[in-house]
Every structure is written in structure tokens, then in C-alpha cells.
Amino acid sequence: MLSESVRSQKTRIDRRTVPGTISLPEGGMAGADAITEMARELARKHPDAPIKTLARRLMHETGNALTINQARLRMARCFGKQGAQSRRLIKPVVHRPHRQSGVEYAMPPSKAADWTPYTLDVTGVVGVLSDIHVPYHSEVALRAAVDHLKSLGLAALVLNGDTADFYTISRFIKVPSKRNFKAELNAIRQLLGWLRQEFPAIPIVFKAGNHEERWCHWLYQHAPEISDEPEMGLAAWLKLADHNIDLVEDQRPIMAGKLPILHGHEKGKGISSPVNQARGAFLRLHHTVLEGHGHRTSGHCEPDMFGAEVFCWSTGCLCDLRPEYARINKMNWGFASVQVFPDGSFNVSNYRITAEGKVRTS
């Protein structure tokens, strides 16, 4: 027979509609069962919350039908924290390992992605062509560079950034009559087909420079909802798979043996005014590197304290030397080849191309 206090409490629970997610209708679920279900629901929704916090919530949702201790015991039972006997009789809603009371903070998961170099797994001569800027390329310079590299018997070819110009989608003021993105795409695809025809049996790597990055930047601005679709990526639009060409994005270096190859824009902008691009690369990186981007052939070498040489090179371009944004300049045509030896050591040849299309060492 129920004691007077228990009978009074049961009547008070049965006759009220409990605020919260679960109601106690007349003649329906017993009050104790309803509160148990409310406790279980709280445990499912908040598996990591402190038990005492959930107990206060349960008190509130039952209209203070329970004391704080009663609510705490019900919540502890939901997590299997009320002793071994209780765990044998009542299956916990959420298993919670033993821990100190209160809120515990865990390190949040990192969203940082791996950033590693692309490794050219070849030995022999690697050709490096930078800053072709299709459709504003120089037919004379490009033909001279390709013919010379063919004579070297290449093991691989690196298109080292700004192979495409992407004039139409740049953020700069554009001449309306020159805005034809479809024609630009077709010209780039035609160039890639021609290069694969000239070098049919070697790996070709297409590195995204700052001009190729105009594509993803345009997508982020104008079509962010589909910017992460594979069909909208640079590889798909340039049809690189049709010619078995690898794409290197995210400003990753390309390793030819132990030599890092950058496009040149990866270092960011600064206020320094070095003697030439190669010395600027040395001051920024303090590491041997070959890069393009500046449209000028240069080299810089300094020994470290033990006499080991740190040599930096920049290559010339293969595009129009009188662009509308800089009619008077110090640009020159050029390209490079890298002899990679089995131990990873290398030898760089940095070439210039004369106005008549003759190749000479710089």
C-alpha cells in the first residue's frame, strides 16, 4: 500500500501535463514512466552534457515534480552511472565512460589539409615551360623551346604555370572585343593536344599558376554552390585526362629530384625590390629553387657558412613581350631544362630565346 506522501506525489504527476516534449494525458502513461522516457530522450539528445545539467533540465521539463537528487539519479541511470546492479537491470541509453564531473573539452578536429610536393619520379632531362599565356603566346618562342627540348630527349615535361591566360575572367579591366572565354578554352585545349603530339611518350605535368587560379576564384564569386563539383574543376574544363596530363594545384611545389620547381606566385607579395627575381627568391626562401612568373631570365647563387651553394633561377616567358598592361618592360623569352640524376642531384640549364627564335644559354 502506497504511503500518503508517495500517493500524493503520484497523483500530482498523473494529473498535470508536463511541459516539454512529452505530455502526460489523462488515463495514459503513468507519470513515472513518462519522466523516465523524458530522461532517456534528454540523454539521447545530449550524450556529452554533464549529468547535473541534464538533471536541472529534467526538473524544469517536469514542472519540478522531481527533486534535484531524484532527477540526477534518473539521468545517471540513463548513462549507466548508477552502479553495476543498476546496469544489469536497466540498459543504459548512452554508454558513458568514467570521467570527472563537470564539462570536459576535447580538442576540435582540424580542417587543415595535407600540403605536400608533387614528386616527378623520373631521371633524365625534364623540360620546364613557364608563362605561355595562351592565346597570347609567341609562336616563334614556343616553337623554338619545344624543338630544343625535343632534341634533348626529355624524360618529362613541366608546364610551370600561366600556360593559360584566362583574360576573360580576370578581375582587371578588360577590352570588350577580346572577351571570349570559349575561344580561350578551345585554344588552351588545342595547345595541350599539340604538346602531347610533340611529346607522345613522356609524363606531362600541368601546374596551376596565378592565371589558372582565376578559374576557381571566378567560380567562388559567381557559382559557389557548384564550385566543388569535379565537373567544374580545372582538369575537367581543360580536358587534361584526354591527353594523360597530371594537374598540380594548391600552389604545391614540383620536385624534380631534389630541385623544387615553383611557378613563382606562391611566395606572396612583398615590398622588397631585389636586383632580380632569382635573388628575390633567395631572400624569401633561402633554398635552391627554379621558378617562372616574372617573365625574366635570372640566376643568383650564394654559399652558406659551410660552403654549400644555394642557387636560384627564374625562367623567361613564352608569350607576347608587349602586353597591353606593360608595353615597355624588361621581359624576355626563355625556358629551362633540368638534368635529374639517380641520386636526386640535378643540373639546371636556363635558356634565353632571341627575337629570331634562336636558343642560347643565359
Protein backbone atom coordinates (compact mmCIF):
# COMPACT_ATOMS: atom_id res chain seq x y z
CA MET A 1 0.00 0.00 0.00
CA LEU A 2 1.42 3.40 -1.02
CA SER A 3 2.38 5.83 1.71
CA GLU A 4 0.49 9.12 1.82
CA SER A 5 3.44 11.16 0.51
CA VAL A 6 4.09 8.81 -2.45
CA ARG A 7 0.36 8.70 -3.30
CA SER A 8 0.22 12.49 -3.21
CA GLN A 9 3.28 12.81 -5.48
CA LYS A 10 1.95 10.23 -7.98
CA THR A 11 -1.44 12.00 -8.13
CA ARG A 12 0.30 15.33 -8.69
CA ILE A 13 2.38 13.88 -11.59
CA ASP A 14 -0.51 11.96 -13.20
CA ARG A 15 -2.85 14.91 -13.28
CA ARG A 16 -0.56 17.50 -14.81
CA THR A 17 0.54 17.99 -18.39
CA VAL A 18 4.32 18.07 -18.14
CA PRO A 19 5.92 20.96 -20.08
CA GLY A 20 8.45 19.81 -22.69
CA THR A 21 8.50 17.26 -25.45
CA ILE A 22 6.30 14.66 -23.72
CA SER A 23 2.76 15.22 -22.36
CA LEU A 24 1.01 13.09 -19.74
CA PRO A 25 -2.61 12.67 -20.93
CA GLU A 26 -5.39 11.64 -18.57
CA GLY A 27 -5.59 7.85 -18.30
CA GLY A 28 -2.41 7.47 -20.40
CA MET A 29 1.20 6.64 -19.49
CA ALA A 30 1.95 6.59 -15.80
CA GLY A 31 3.82 9.65 -14.59
CA ALA A 32 6.95 7.77 -13.57
CA ASP A 33 7.17 6.08 -16.98
CA ALA A 34 6.72 9.41 -18.74
CA ILE A 35 9.50 11.04 -16.73
CA THR A 36 11.78 8.07 -17.44
CA GLU A 37 11.13 8.50 -21.14
CA MET A 38 11.84 12.22 -20.86
CA ALA A 39 15.14 11.44 -19.15
CA ARG A 40 16.06 8.94 -21.87
CA GLU A 41 15.25 11.47 -24.58
CA LEU A 42 17.49 14.06 -22.93
CA ALA A 43 20.31 11.51 -22.77
CA ARG A 44 19.92 10.70 -26.48
CA LYS A 45 19.90 14.37 -27.48
CA HIS A 46 22.77 15.46 -25.21
CA PRO A 47 25.09 12.47 -24.74
CA ASP A 48 28.07 14.60 -23.68
CA ALA A 49 26.35 17.07 -21.35
CA PRO A 50 27.04 16.91 -17.59
CA ILE A 51 24.53 14.77 -15.68
CA LYS A 52 23.69 17.54 -13.20
CA THR A 53 22.95 19.96 -16.05
CA LEU A 54 20.57 17.44 -17.60
CA ALA A 55 19.00 16.82 -14.17
CA ARG A 56 18.13 20.52 -13.89
CA ARG A 57 16.65 20.40 -17.38
CA LEU A 58 14.58 17.36 -16.41
CA MET A 59 13.30 19.15 -13.30
CA HIS A 60 12.24 22.10 -15.42
CA GLU A 61 10.50 19.97 -18.03
CA THR A 62 8.56 18.06 -15.36
CA GLY A 63 7.40 21.21 -13.65
CA ASN A 64 9.58 20.49 -10.60
CA ALA A 65 7.83 17.17 -10.00
CA LEU A 66 11.25 15.77 -9.01
CA THR A 67 13.87 16.95 -6.60
CA ILE A 68 17.33 17.65 -7.99
CA ASN A 69 18.61 14.42 -6.46
CA GLN A 70 15.78 12.34 -7.97
CA ALA A 71 16.40 13.92 -11.38
CA ARG A 72 20.15 13.33 -11.09
CA LEU A 73 19.65 9.65 -10.26
CA ARG A 74 17.34 9.18 -13.26
CA MET A 75 19.83 10.81 -15.61
CA ALA A 76 22.73 8.81 -14.14
CA ARG A 77 20.75 5.62 -14.76
CA CYS A 78 20.34 6.62 -18.44
CA PHE A 79 24.13 6.78 -18.75
CA GLY A 80 24.80 3.59 -16.81
CA LYS A 81 26.37 5.55 -13.97
CA GLN A 82 24.28 4.27 -11.02
CA GLY A 83 26.22 1.18 -10.10
CA ALA A 84 26.75 -2.31 -11.52
CA GLN A 85 23.42 -3.66 -10.28
CA SER A 86 21.51 -0.87 -11.93
CA ARG A 87 23.36 -1.53 -15.21
CA ARG A 88 22.37 -5.19 -15.05
CA LEU A 89 18.70 -4.37 -14.51
CA ILE A 90 18.34 -1.33 -16.79
CA LYS A 91 20.12 -0.97 -20.10
CA PRO A 92 21.73 2.48 -20.40
CA VAL A 93 20.54 4.71 -23.22
CA VAL A 94 24.07 6.03 -23.85
CA HIS A 95 27.22 4.39 -22.54
CA ARG A 96 29.45 7.00 -20.95
CA PRO A 97 32.95 6.05 -19.75
CA HIS A 98 34.02 7.12 -16.30
CA ARG A 99 35.19 10.71 -16.07
CA GLN A 100 35.42 13.60 -13.65
CA SER A 101 32.25 15.57 -13.10
CA GLY A 102 31.76 18.81 -14.97
CA VAL A 103 32.33 19.82 -18.58
CA GLU A 104 35.23 18.22 -20.43
CA TYR A 105 36.58 19.87 -23.54
CA ALA A 106 38.17 17.88 -26.33
CA MET A 107 40.46 19.28 -28.98
CA PRO A 108 38.32 20.16 -32.01
CA PRO A 109 39.05 18.22 -35.20
CA SER A 110 41.38 20.02 -37.58
CA LYS A 111 40.25 21.03 -41.04
CA ALA A 112 43.81 21.62 -42.22
CA ALA A 113 44.62 19.60 -45.33
CA ASP A 114 47.96 17.99 -46.13
CA TRP A 115 50.17 20.15 -48.31
CA THR A 116 52.91 18.11 -49.89
CA PRO A 117 55.05 18.49 -53.01
CA TYR A 118 54.28 16.70 -56.25
CA THR A 119 57.19 14.37 -57.00
CA LEU A 120 58.32 13.72 -60.56
CA ASP A 121 59.53 10.14 -60.33
CA VAL A 122 61.92 10.34 -63.27
CA THR A 123 65.61 10.53 -64.02
CA GLY A 124 66.93 12.22 -67.12
CA VAL A 125 66.07 15.59 -68.64
CA VAL A 126 62.96 17.46 -67.50
CA GLY A 127 61.76 20.33 -69.68
CA VAL A 128 60.23 23.40 -67.99
CA LEU A 129 57.99 25.82 -69.90
CA SER A 130 56.56 28.76 -67.99
CA ASP A 131 54.18 31.62 -68.79
CA ILE A 132 52.91 30.67 -72.24
CA HIS A 133 49.69 32.66 -71.66
CA VAL A 134 47.56 31.10 -74.40
CA PRO A 135 46.06 32.68 -76.52
CA TYR A 136 48.64 35.46 -76.14
CA HIS A 137 51.60 33.14 -76.69
CA SER A 138 54.54 33.70 -79.02
CA GLU A 139 54.53 31.12 -81.78
CA VAL A 140 58.19 31.84 -82.52
CA ALA A 141 59.35 31.38 -78.91
CA LEU A 142 57.19 28.35 -78.21
CA ARG A 143 58.27 26.58 -81.36
CA ALA A 144 61.95 27.26 -80.56
CA ALA A 145 61.59 25.98 -76.98
CA VAL A 146 59.74 22.80 -77.98
CA ASP A 147 62.21 21.99 -80.77
CA HIS A 148 65.18 22.39 -78.43
CA LEU A 149 63.61 20.23 -75.71
CA LYS A 150 62.80 17.53 -78.25
CA SER A 151 66.47 17.42 -79.20
CA LEU A 152 67.38 16.72 -75.56
CA GLY A 153 65.28 13.55 -75.33
CA LEU A 154 63.04 14.54 -72.43
CA ALA A 155 62.02 12.23 -69.60
CA ALA A 156 59.19 14.57 -68.54
CA LEU A 157 57.72 17.98 -69.34
CA VAL A 158 56.52 20.53 -66.76
CA LEU A 159 54.12 23.29 -67.81
CA ASN A 160 55.07 25.56 -64.95
CA GLY A 161 52.08 27.84 -64.53
CA ASP A 162 50.27 30.50 -66.56
CA THR A 163 50.02 28.18 -69.52
CA ALA A 164 46.55 29.73 -69.90
CA ASP A 165 45.90 33.44 -69.64
CA PHE A 166 42.16 33.39 -68.75
CA TYR A 167 41.90 37.03 -69.77
CA THR A 168 38.10 36.98 -69.90
CA ILE A 169 37.63 36.04 -66.24
CA SER A 170 40.37 38.21 -64.75
CA ARG A 171 39.49 40.87 -62.16
CA PHE A 172 41.19 43.59 -64.22
CA ILE A 173 39.56 45.94 -66.71
CA LYS A 174 39.15 44.12 -70.00
CA VAL A 175 38.80 45.21 -73.61
CA PRO A 176 35.26 44.12 -74.56
CA SER A 177 36.27 42.93 -78.03
CA LYS A 178 38.79 40.48 -76.50
CA ARG A 179 36.34 38.83 -74.09
CA ASN A 180 35.69 35.35 -75.43
CA PHE A 181 36.17 32.67 -72.81
CA LYS A 182 35.02 29.83 -75.04
CA ALA A 183 37.65 30.72 -77.63
CA GLU A 184 40.30 30.86 -74.90
CA LEU A 185 39.33 27.40 -73.66
CA ASN A 186 39.49 25.95 -77.15
CA ALA A 187 42.93 27.49 -77.72
CA ILE A 188 44.29 26.01 -74.47
CA ARG A 189 42.88 22.56 -75.27
CA GLN A 190 44.43 22.80 -78.73
CA LEU A 191 47.82 23.67 -77.24
CA LEU A 192 47.68 20.71 -74.85
CA GLY A 193 46.81 18.38 -77.72
CA TRP A 194 49.71 19.76 -79.74
CA LEU A 195 52.18 19.34 -76.86
CA ARG A 196 51.07 15.74 -76.31
CA GLN A 197 51.58 15.16 -80.04
CA GLU A 198 55.12 16.62 -79.80
CA PHE A 199 55.92 14.57 -76.67
CA PRO A 200 53.80 11.43 -77.02
CA ALA A 201 55.51 9.09 -74.57
CA ILE A 202 56.58 11.12 -71.53
CA PRO A 203 54.79 12.39 -68.41
CA ILE A 204 53.41 15.92 -68.77
CA VAL A 205 52.56 17.90 -65.63
CA PHE A 206 50.33 20.99 -65.71
CA LYS A 207 50.94 23.30 -62.74
CA ALA A 208 48.31 25.91 -61.95
CA GLY A 209 49.78 29.41 -61.79
CA ASN A 210 48.09 32.61 -60.73
CA HIS A 211 46.32 32.92 -64.11
CA GLU A 212 44.84 29.41 -63.85
CA GLU A 213 43.70 30.27 -60.32
CA ARG A 214 41.45 32.86 -61.91
CA TRP A 215 39.10 29.98 -62.78
CA CYS A 216 38.48 28.82 -59.20
CA HIS A 217 38.32 32.42 -57.98
CA TRP A 218 35.67 33.18 -60.60
CA LEU A 219 33.69 30.12 -59.50
CA TYR A 220 33.89 31.09 -55.83
CA GLN A 221 32.44 34.50 -56.70
CA HIS A 222 29.81 33.60 -59.27
CA ALA A 223 28.88 29.95 -58.69
CA PRO A 224 29.93 28.90 -55.17
CA GLU A 225 27.19 26.26 -54.96
CA ILE A 226 28.81 24.13 -57.67
CA SER A 227 32.43 25.18 -57.25
CA ASP A 228 33.37 21.89 -55.55
CA GLU A 229 31.86 19.68 -58.24
CA PRO A 230 34.56 17.65 -60.08
CA GLU A 231 33.00 18.63 -63.41
CA MET A 232 33.73 22.28 -62.62
CA GLY A 233 37.40 21.72 -61.83
CA LEU A 234 40.27 22.92 -63.98
CA ALA A 235 41.21 19.39 -65.04
CA ALA A 236 37.72 18.76 -66.40
CA TRP A 237 37.43 22.06 -68.26
CA LEU A 238 40.86 21.71 -69.86
CA LYS A 239 40.23 18.00 -70.60
CA LEU A 240 43.62 17.04 -69.19
CA ALA A 241 42.64 13.37 -68.94
CA ASP A 242 42.20 13.23 -72.71
CA HIS A 243 45.96 13.78 -73.04
CA ASN A 244 47.09 11.94 -69.87
CA ILE A 245 48.30 15.16 -68.23
CA ASP A 246 48.59 15.48 -64.44
CA LEU A 247 47.33 18.62 -62.71
CA VAL A 248 49.17 20.18 -59.76
CA GLU A 249 47.09 22.72 -57.83
CA ASP A 250 47.08 24.36 -54.40
CA GLN A 251 50.44 26.05 -55.09
CA ARG A 252 52.29 22.78 -54.45
CA PRO A 253 55.96 22.60 -55.42
CA ILE A 254 57.01 20.10 -58.07
CA MET A 255 60.12 18.13 -57.12
CA ALA A 256 62.49 17.20 -59.94
CA GLY A 257 64.94 15.14 -57.95
CA LYS A 258 65.96 17.45 -55.10
CA LEU A 259 65.06 20.61 -57.02
CA PRO A 260 61.80 22.38 -56.08
CA ILE A 261 60.01 23.97 -59.03
CA LEU A 262 57.56 26.78 -58.28
CA HIS A 263 55.55 28.96 -60.58
CA GLY A 264 56.69 31.96 -58.52
CA HIS A 265 53.47 33.45 -57.17
CA GLU A 266 53.43 31.07 -54.19
CA LYS A 267 55.74 33.29 -52.13
CA GLY A 268 53.21 36.10 -51.89
CA LYS A 269 53.84 39.78 -52.39
CA GLY A 270 56.36 41.92 -50.57
CA ILE A 271 57.79 45.41 -50.51
CA SER A 272 61.37 44.43 -51.34
CA SER A 273 62.96 45.36 -54.66
CA PRO A 274 65.66 42.76 -55.32
CA VAL A 275 68.24 43.06 -58.08
CA ASN A 276 66.44 40.32 -60.00
CA GLN A 277 63.78 37.67 -59.46
CA ALA A 278 66.26 34.93 -58.62
CA ARG A 279 67.80 36.98 -55.81
CA GLY A 280 64.31 37.82 -54.56
CA ALA A 281 63.54 34.09 -54.43
CA PHE A 282 66.75 33.51 -52.47
CA LEU A 283 65.88 36.21 -49.94
CA ARG A 284 62.40 34.74 -49.45
CA LEU A 285 63.21 31.03 -49.42
CA HIS A 286 66.90 30.59 -48.54
CA HIS A 287 66.65 27.42 -50.59
CA THR A 288 67.50 26.37 -54.11
CA VAL A 289 64.54 26.80 -56.45
CA LEU A 290 63.57 27.16 -60.11
CA GLU A 291 60.59 29.38 -60.88
CA GLY A 292 58.80 31.36 -63.58
CA HIS A 293 56.14 34.07 -63.17
CA GLY A 294 58.43 37.09 -63.60
CA HIS A 295 58.94 36.66 -67.38
CA ARG A 296 62.67 37.33 -66.97
CA THR A 297 65.67 35.00 -67.03
CA SER A 298 67.91 35.37 -63.98
CA GLY A 299 70.12 33.43 -61.59
CA HIS A 300 71.54 34.02 -58.12
CA CYS A 301 73.92 31.94 -56.03
CA GLU A 302 75.27 32.29 -52.50
CA PRO A 303 77.18 29.80 -50.34
CA ASP A 304 76.12 29.01 -46.80
CA MET A 305 78.56 29.02 -43.85
CA PHE A 306 79.82 25.55 -44.80
CA GLY A 307 80.34 26.39 -48.45
CA ALA A 308 77.26 24.62 -49.84
CA GLU A 309 75.77 26.60 -52.71
CA VAL A 310 72.18 27.81 -52.70
CA PHE A 311 71.30 28.55 -56.33
CA CYS A 312 68.03 30.13 -57.52
CA TRP A 313 66.84 30.53 -61.09
CA SER A 314 63.97 32.28 -62.83
CA THR A 315 62.93 31.47 -66.39
CA GLY A 316 61.79 33.73 -69.17
CA CYS A 317 58.32 33.58 -70.70
CA LEU A 318 56.91 32.24 -73.98
CA CYS A 319 54.24 34.88 -74.50
CA ASP A 320 53.86 38.25 -76.20
CA LEU A 321 56.59 40.58 -74.91
CA ARG A 322 54.48 43.73 -75.40
CA PRO A 323 51.23 43.09 -73.48
CA GLU A 324 48.74 45.93 -73.21
CA TYR A 325 49.32 46.27 -69.46
CA ALA A 326 53.10 46.84 -69.90
CA ARG A 327 54.16 47.88 -73.39
CA ILE A 328 57.65 48.86 -72.22
CA ASN A 329 59.27 46.28 -69.97
CA LYS A 330 62.29 44.03 -69.42
CA MET A 331 60.67 40.71 -70.26
CA ASN A 332 62.45 38.09 -72.32
CA TRP A 333 61.64 34.74 -73.88
CA GLY A 334 63.11 31.71 -72.18
CA PHE A 335 62.69 28.22 -70.71
CA ALA A 336 64.77 25.66 -68.80
CA SER A 337 65.84 22.03 -68.70
CA VAL A 338 66.80 20.07 -65.59
CA GLN A 339 69.07 17.02 -65.75
CA VAL A 340 67.98 14.80 -62.85
CA PHE A 341 70.45 12.13 -61.71
CA PRO A 342 69.56 8.86 -59.91
CA ASP A 343 70.65 10.21 -56.52
CA GLY A 344 68.34 13.23 -56.86
CA SER A 345 71.08 15.71 -57.69
CA PHE A 346 70.47 17.90 -60.71
CA ASN A 347 71.91 20.34 -63.21
CA VAL A 348 69.86 23.29 -64.48
CA SER A 349 70.24 24.83 -67.92
CA ASN A 350 68.45 28.18 -68.17
CA TYR A 351 67.89 29.28 -71.77
CA ARG A 352 67.07 32.54 -73.49
CA ILE A 353 65.44 32.84 -76.91
CA THR A 354 66.40 35.65 -79.26
CA ALA A 355 63.94 37.71 -81.29
CA GLU A 356 64.81 35.49 -84.28
CA GLY A 357 63.91 32.34 -82.36
CA LYS A 358 67.43 31.13 -81.61
CA VAL A 359 68.09 29.36 -78.31
CA ARG A 360 71.15 30.27 -76.28
CA THR A 361 72.29 29.65 -72.73
CA SER A 362 71.76 32.53 -70.34
